[in-house]
């Protein structure tokens, strides 16, 4: 049986990925989990505490998942396709990247939450940069900027395309756009 804290985090993550941080409330979470709002406040006194924990949890879970892809034996272009598929799968479940979703509301976050968000983005970019370094070494990717800049651009593309595709075109649009970008990078 899941502990209450985990149930709260799971419900909050689902809501943030579907409606965003500012639209998600403790009432929504209490209705989803079937507990009183006071129970949520016991675990997360303020919404910012909950957001911080969601970001930290995302760094661990998705960071590990991205690292599994990056450490695999595939070529760099194939790894980019697999990373894009993670975002496409989220879109097919009507869920945006958690970091991307929280980023859209970053102007309303507390400063410490913004620092955790920035670190989450940087950690993801660092993981993705490994693929671009590999692509340069194996001559399978062509780009003129640094591996980190290319990784930031690719991550930003995935997040932005996921947001736009949710409103227009869905997974078919996302898949086509990702394929165009990866094909353009591939030598």
C-alpha atoms as a PDB file:
ATOM      1  CA  UNK A   1       0.000   0.000   0.000  1.00  0.00           C
ATOM      2  CA  UNK A   2       1.348   3.409  -0.971  1.00  0.00           C
ATOM      3  CA  UNK A   3       2.186   5.767   1.787  1.00  0.00           C
ATOM      4  CA  UNK A   4       0.084   8.955   1.917  1.00  0.00           C
ATOM      5  CA  UNK A   5       3.013  11.203   0.993  1.00  0.00           C
ATOM      6  CA  UNK A   6       3.633   9.213  -2.206  1.00  0.00           C
ATOM      7  CA  UNK A   7      -0.075   9.270  -3.084  1.00  0.00           C
ATOM      8  CA  UNK A   8      -0.082  13.056  -2.659  1.00  0.00           C
ATOM      9  CA  UNK A   9       3.002  13.435  -4.865  1.00  0.00           C
ATOM     10  CA  UNK A  10       1.560  11.115  -7.524  1.00  0.00           C
ATOM     11  CA  UNK A  11      -1.736  13.014  -7.609  1.00  0.00           C
ATOM     12  CA  UNK A  12       0.016  16.387  -7.633  1.00  0.00           C
ATOM     13  CA  UNK A  13       2.336  15.347 -10.448  1.00  0.00           C
ATOM     14  CA  UNK A  14      -0.564  14.109 -12.532  1.00  0.00           C
ATOM     15  CA  UNK A  15      -2.445  17.366 -11.989  1.00  0.00           C
ATOM     16  CA  UNK A  16       0.577  19.593 -12.710  1.00  0.00           C
ATOM     17  CA  UNK A  17       1.295  17.688 -15.926  1.00  0.00           C
ATOM     18  CA  UNK A  18      -2.333  18.015 -17.013  1.00  0.00           C
ATOM     19  CA  UNK A  19      -3.346  21.510 -15.829  1.00  0.00           C
ATOM     20  CA  UNK A  20      -0.211  23.265 -14.539  1.00  0.00           C
ATOM     21  CA  UNK A  21       1.033  24.362 -11.131  1.00  0.00           C
ATOM     22  CA  UNK A  22      -1.228  27.378 -10.735  1.00  0.00           C
ATOM     23  CA  UNK A  23      -4.392  25.467 -11.685  1.00  0.00           C
ATOM     24  CA  UNK A  24      -3.600  22.603  -9.296  1.00  0.00           C
ATOM     25  CA  UNK A  25      -4.939  23.003  -5.760  1.00  0.00           C
ATOM     26  CA  UNK A  26      -4.809  21.075  -2.521  1.00  0.00           C
ATOM     27  CA  UNK A  27      -8.577  20.578  -2.941  1.00  0.00           C
ATOM     28  CA  UNK A  28      -7.933  18.796  -6.268  1.00  0.00           C
ATOM     29  CA  UNK A  29      -5.341  16.598  -4.579  1.00  0.00           C
ATOM     30  CA  UNK A  30      -7.553  15.832  -1.579  1.00  0.00           C
ATOM     31  CA  UNK A  31     -10.416  14.854  -3.902  1.00  0.00           C
ATOM     32  CA  UNK A  32      -8.106  12.621  -5.959  1.00  0.00           C
ATOM     33  CA  UNK A  33      -6.395  10.911  -3.027  1.00  0.00           C
ATOM     34  CA  UNK A  34      -9.472  10.810  -0.798  1.00  0.00           C
ATOM     35  CA  UNK A  35      -7.941  12.617   2.171  1.00  0.00           C
ATOM     36  CA  UNK A  36      -8.557  15.934   3.885  1.00  0.00           C
ATOM     37  CA  UNK A  37      -6.621  19.029   2.837  1.00  0.00           C
ATOM     38  CA  UNK A  38      -5.194  19.149   6.359  1.00  0.00           C
ATOM     39  CA  UNK A  39      -3.434  15.851   5.671  1.00  0.00           C
ATOM     40  CA  UNK A  40      -1.762  17.357   2.626  1.00  0.00           C
ATOM     41  CA  UNK A  41      -0.671  20.391   4.640  1.00  0.00           C
ATOM     42  CA  UNK A  42       0.805  18.014   7.210  1.00  0.00           C
ATOM     43  CA  UNK A  43       3.165  16.605   4.558  1.00  0.00           C
ATOM     44  CA  UNK A  44       3.574  19.795   2.492  1.00  0.00           C
ATOM     45  CA  UNK A  45       2.775  22.899   4.549  1.00  0.00           C
ATOM     46  CA  UNK A  46       2.910  25.154   1.475  1.00  0.00           C
ATOM     47  CA  UNK A  47       2.369  24.564  -2.208  1.00  0.00           C
ATOM     48  CA  UNK A  48       5.998  25.552  -2.827  1.00  0.00           C
ATOM     49  CA  UNK A  49       7.117  22.628  -0.619  1.00  0.00           C
ATOM     50  CA  UNK A  50       5.098  20.298  -2.817  1.00  0.00           C
ATOM     51  CA  UNK A  51       6.501  21.814  -6.037  1.00  0.00           C
ATOM     52  CA  UNK A  52      10.059  21.510  -4.720  1.00  0.00           C
ATOM     53  CA  UNK A  53       9.516  17.852  -3.864  1.00  0.00           C
ATOM     54  CA  UNK A  54       7.978  17.157  -7.275  1.00  0.00           C
ATOM     55  CA  UNK A  55      11.009  18.676  -8.995  1.00  0.00           C
ATOM     56  CA  UNK A  56      13.456  16.704  -6.866  1.00  0.00           C
ATOM     57  CA  UNK A  57      11.559  13.496  -7.499  1.00  0.00           C
ATOM     58  CA  UNK A  58      11.475  14.233 -11.229  1.00  0.00           C
ATOM     59  CA  UNK A  59      15.268  14.743 -11.257  1.00  0.00           C
ATOM     60  CA  UNK A  60      15.726  11.305  -9.764  1.00  0.00           C
ATOM     61  CA  UNK A  61      13.191   9.350 -11.789  1.00  0.00           C
ATOM     62  CA  UNK A  62      13.532  10.933 -15.208  1.00  0.00           C
ATOM     63  CA  UNK A  63      17.240  11.544 -14.710  1.00  0.00           C
ATOM     64  CA  UNK A  64      17.697   7.809 -14.187  1.00  0.00           C
ATOM     65  CA  UNK A  65      15.484   7.010 -17.168  1.00  0.00           C
ATOM     66  CA  UNK A  66      17.349   9.457 -19.441  1.00  0.00           C
ATOM     67  CA  UNK A  67      20.685   8.070 -18.217  1.00  0.00           C
ATOM     68  CA  UNK A  68      19.569   4.538 -19.094  1.00  0.00           C
ATOM     69  CA  UNK A  69      18.903   5.684 -22.662  1.00  0.00           C
ATOM     70  CA  UNK A  70      22.133   7.676 -22.904  1.00  0.00           C
ATOM     71  CA  UNK A  71      24.289   4.844 -21.536  1.00  0.00           C
ATOM     72  CA  UNK A  72      22.860   2.345 -24.005  1.00  0.00           C
ATOM     73  CA  UNK A  73      24.758   1.021 -27.002  1.00  0.00           C
ATOM     74  CA  UNK A  74      22.641   2.768 -29.665  1.00  0.00           C
ATOM     75  CA  UNK A  75      23.963   5.397 -32.044  1.00  0.00           C
ATOM     76  CA  UNK A  76      23.514   9.034 -31.037  1.00  0.00           C
ATOM     77  CA  UNK A  77      20.622   9.637 -33.492  1.00  0.00           C
ATOM     78  CA  UNK A  78      18.824   6.562 -32.158  1.00  0.00           C
ATOM     79  CA  UNK A  79      19.285   7.818 -28.599  1.00  0.00           C
ATOM     80  CA  UNK A  80      17.767  11.166 -29.620  1.00  0.00           C
ATOM     81  CA  UNK A  81      14.798   9.269 -31.059  1.00  0.00           C
ATOM     82  CA  UNK A  82      14.390   7.349 -27.799  1.00  0.00           C
ATOM     83  CA  UNK A  83      14.553  10.564 -25.765  1.00  0.00           C
ATOM     84  CA  UNK A  84      11.939  12.121 -28.061  1.00  0.00           C
ATOM     85  CA  UNK A  85       9.750   9.048 -27.580  1.00  0.00           C
ATOM     86  CA  UNK A  86       9.673   9.705 -23.820  1.00  0.00           C
ATOM     87  CA  UNK A  87       8.069  13.083 -24.538  1.00  0.00           C
ATOM     88  CA  UNK A  88       5.794  11.645 -27.216  1.00  0.00           C
ATOM     89  CA  UNK A  89       4.557   8.990 -24.780  1.00  0.00           C
ATOM     90  CA  UNK A  90       3.822  11.672 -22.187  1.00  0.00           C
ATOM     91  CA  UNK A  91       1.837  13.573 -24.787  1.00  0.00           C
ATOM     92  CA  UNK A  92      -0.136  10.450 -25.724  1.00  0.00           C
ATOM     93  CA  UNK A  93      -1.161  10.265 -22.043  1.00  0.00           C
ATOM     94  CA  UNK A  94      -2.121  13.971 -22.103  1.00  0.00           C
ATOM     95  CA  UNK A  95       0.754  14.774 -19.748  1.00  0.00           C
ATOM     96  CA  UNK A  96       3.374  17.420 -20.357  1.00  0.00           C
ATOM     97  CA  UNK A  97       6.942  17.123 -19.156  1.00  0.00           C
ATOM     98  CA  UNK A  98       6.783  18.044 -15.461  1.00  0.00           C
ATOM     99  CA  UNK A  99       9.736  20.420 -15.737  1.00  0.00           C
ATOM    100  CA  UNK A 100       8.202  22.010 -18.825  1.00  0.00           C
ATOM    101  CA  UNK A 101       4.826  22.357 -17.183  1.00  0.00           C
ATOM    102  CA  UNK A 102       6.303  23.942 -14.067  1.00  0.00           C
ATOM    103  CA  UNK A 103       8.486  26.197 -16.241  1.00  0.00           C
ATOM    104  CA  UNK A 104       5.393  27.753 -17.797  1.00  0.00           C
ATOM    105  CA  UNK A 105       4.427  28.986 -14.321  1.00  0.00           C
ATOM    106  CA  UNK A 106       7.957  29.922 -13.205  1.00  0.00           C
ATOM    107  CA  UNK A 107       7.133  33.624 -12.819  1.00  0.00           C
ATOM    108  CA  UNK A 108       4.854  32.697  -9.910  1.00  0.00           C
ATOM    109  CA  UNK A 109       7.284  30.352  -8.136  1.00  0.00           C
ATOM    110  CA  UNK A 110       9.320  31.179  -5.060  1.00  0.00           C
ATOM    111  CA  UNK A 111      13.026  31.881  -5.648  1.00  0.00           C
ATOM    112  CA  UNK A 112      14.212  28.579  -4.151  1.00  0.00           C
ATOM    113  CA  UNK A 113      11.737  26.665  -6.347  1.00  0.00           C
ATOM    114  CA  UNK A 114      13.114  28.507  -9.384  1.00  0.00           C
ATOM    115  CA  UNK A 115      16.631  27.416  -8.394  1.00  0.00           C
ATOM    116  CA  UNK A 116      15.531  23.773  -8.140  1.00  0.00           C
ATOM    117  CA  UNK A 117      13.758  24.117 -11.501  1.00  0.00           C
ATOM    118  CA  UNK A 118      16.875  25.599 -13.081  1.00  0.00           C
ATOM    119  CA  UNK A 119      18.996  22.791 -11.639  1.00  0.00           C
ATOM    120  CA  UNK A 120      16.550  20.203 -12.976  1.00  0.00           C
ATOM    121  CA  UNK A 121      16.823  21.705 -16.441  1.00  0.00           C
ATOM    122  CA  UNK A 122      20.616  21.856 -16.210  1.00  0.00           C
ATOM    123  CA  UNK A 123      20.812  18.230 -15.076  1.00  0.00           C
ATOM    124  CA  UNK A 124      18.682  17.148 -18.031  1.00  0.00           C
ATOM    125  CA  UNK A 125      20.760  19.203 -20.454  1.00  0.00           C
ATOM    126  CA  UNK A 126      23.948  17.652 -19.065  1.00  0.00           C
ATOM    127  CA  UNK A 127      22.543  14.160 -19.605  1.00  0.00           C
ATOM    128  CA  UNK A 128      21.380  15.020 -23.137  1.00  0.00           C
ATOM    129  CA  UNK A 129      24.769  16.621 -23.930  1.00  0.00           C
ATOM    130  CA  UNK A 130      26.352  13.185 -23.572  1.00  0.00           C
ATOM    131  CA  UNK A 131      24.450  12.102 -26.691  1.00  0.00           C
ATOM    132  CA  UNK A 132      25.694  15.098 -28.654  1.00  0.00           C
ATOM    133  CA  UNK A 133      29.273  14.424 -27.556  1.00  0.00           C
ATOM    134  CA  UNK A 134      28.854  10.835 -28.710  1.00  0.00           C
ATOM    135  CA  UNK A 135      27.391  12.059 -32.012  1.00  0.00           C
ATOM    136  CA  UNK A 136      30.422  14.256 -32.655  1.00  0.00           C
ATOM    137  CA  UNK A 137      32.820  11.413 -31.833  1.00  0.00           C
ATOM    138  CA  UNK A 138      31.062   8.864 -34.028  1.00  0.00           C
ATOM    139  CA  UNK A 139      30.379  11.491 -36.734  1.00  0.00           C
ATOM    140  CA  UNK A 140      26.657  10.679 -36.674  1.00  0.00           C
ATOM    141  CA  UNK A 141      25.395  14.145 -35.669  1.00  0.00           C
ATOM    142  CA  UNK A 142      26.161  17.491 -37.244  1.00  0.00           C
ATOM    143  CA  UNK A 143      25.876  20.689 -35.217  1.00  0.00           C
ATOM    144  CA  UNK A 144      28.040  23.811 -34.927  1.00  0.00           C
ATOM    145  CA  UNK A 145      27.474  24.812 -31.323  1.00  0.00           C
ATOM    146  CA  UNK A 146      28.723  23.120 -28.175  1.00  0.00           C
ATOM    147  CA  UNK A 147      27.237  19.795 -27.141  1.00  0.00           C
ATOM    148  CA  UNK A 148      25.611  21.505 -24.151  1.00  0.00           C
ATOM    149  CA  UNK A 149      24.070  24.222 -26.354  1.00  0.00           C
ATOM    150  CA  UNK A 150      22.783  21.589 -28.778  1.00  0.00           C
ATOM    151  CA  UNK A 151      21.381  19.570 -25.867  1.00  0.00           C
ATOM    152  CA  UNK A 152      19.637  22.651 -24.456  1.00  0.00           C
ATOM    153  CA  UNK A 153      18.136  23.387 -27.873  1.00  0.00           C
ATOM    154  CA  UNK A 154      16.979  19.782 -28.273  1.00  0.00           C
ATOM    155  CA  UNK A 155      15.443  19.642 -24.789  1.00  0.00           C
ATOM    156  CA  UNK A 156      13.736  23.007 -25.367  1.00  0.00           C
ATOM    157  CA  UNK A 157      12.438  21.749 -28.702  1.00  0.00           C
ATOM    158  CA  UNK A 158      10.967  18.622 -27.081  1.00  0.00           C
ATOM    159  CA  UNK A 159       9.262  20.581 -24.283  1.00  0.00           C
ATOM    160  CA  UNK A 160       7.957  23.305 -26.587  1.00  0.00           C
ATOM    161  CA  UNK A 161       6.768  20.902 -29.254  1.00  0.00           C
ATOM    162  CA  UNK A 162       5.013  18.817 -26.633  1.00  0.00           C
ATOM    163  CA  UNK A 163       3.124  21.913 -25.427  1.00  0.00           C
ATOM    164  CA  UNK A 164       2.141  22.996 -28.937  1.00  0.00           C
ATOM    165  CA  UNK A 165       1.257  19.466 -30.069  1.00  0.00           C
ATOM    166  CA  UNK A 166      -1.077  19.063 -27.110  1.00  0.00           C
ATOM    167  CA  UNK A 167      -3.140  21.923 -28.524  1.00  0.00           C
ATOM    168  CA  UNK A 168      -2.643  21.142 -32.197  1.00  0.00           C
ATOM    169  CA  UNK A 169      -1.892  17.883 -33.948  1.00  0.00           C
ATOM    170  CA  UNK A 170      -1.182  15.584 -30.997  1.00  0.00           C
ATOM    171  CA  UNK A 171       1.355  12.785 -31.104  1.00  0.00           C
ATOM    172  CA  UNK A 172       1.362  12.615 -34.905  1.00  0.00           C
ATOM    173  CA  UNK A 173       2.474  16.263 -35.081  1.00  0.00           C
ATOM    174  CA  UNK A 174       5.027  15.707 -32.319  1.00  0.00           C
ATOM    175  CA  UNK A 175       6.473  12.589 -33.967  1.00  0.00           C
ATOM    176  CA  UNK A 176       6.787  14.293 -37.345  1.00  0.00           C
ATOM    177  CA  UNK A 177       8.435  17.391 -35.844  1.00  0.00           C
ATOM    178  CA  UNK A 178      10.895  15.308 -33.801  1.00  0.00           C
ATOM    179  CA  UNK A 179      11.780  13.233 -36.848  1.00  0.00           C
ATOM    180  CA  UNK A 180      12.478  16.387 -38.898  1.00  0.00           C
ATOM    181  CA  UNK A 181      14.807  17.791 -36.222  1.00  0.00           C
ATOM    182  CA  UNK A 182      16.676  14.516 -35.665  1.00  0.00           C
ATOM    183  CA  UNK A 183      17.001  13.967 -39.427  1.00  0.00           C
ATOM    184  CA  UNK A 184      18.452  17.491 -39.742  1.00  0.00           C
ATOM    185  CA  UNK A 185      21.026  16.716 -37.036  1.00  0.00           C
ATOM    186  CA  UNK A 186      21.920  13.296 -38.429  1.00  0.00           C
ATOM    187  CA  UNK A 187      24.865  13.075 -40.819  1.00  0.00           C
END
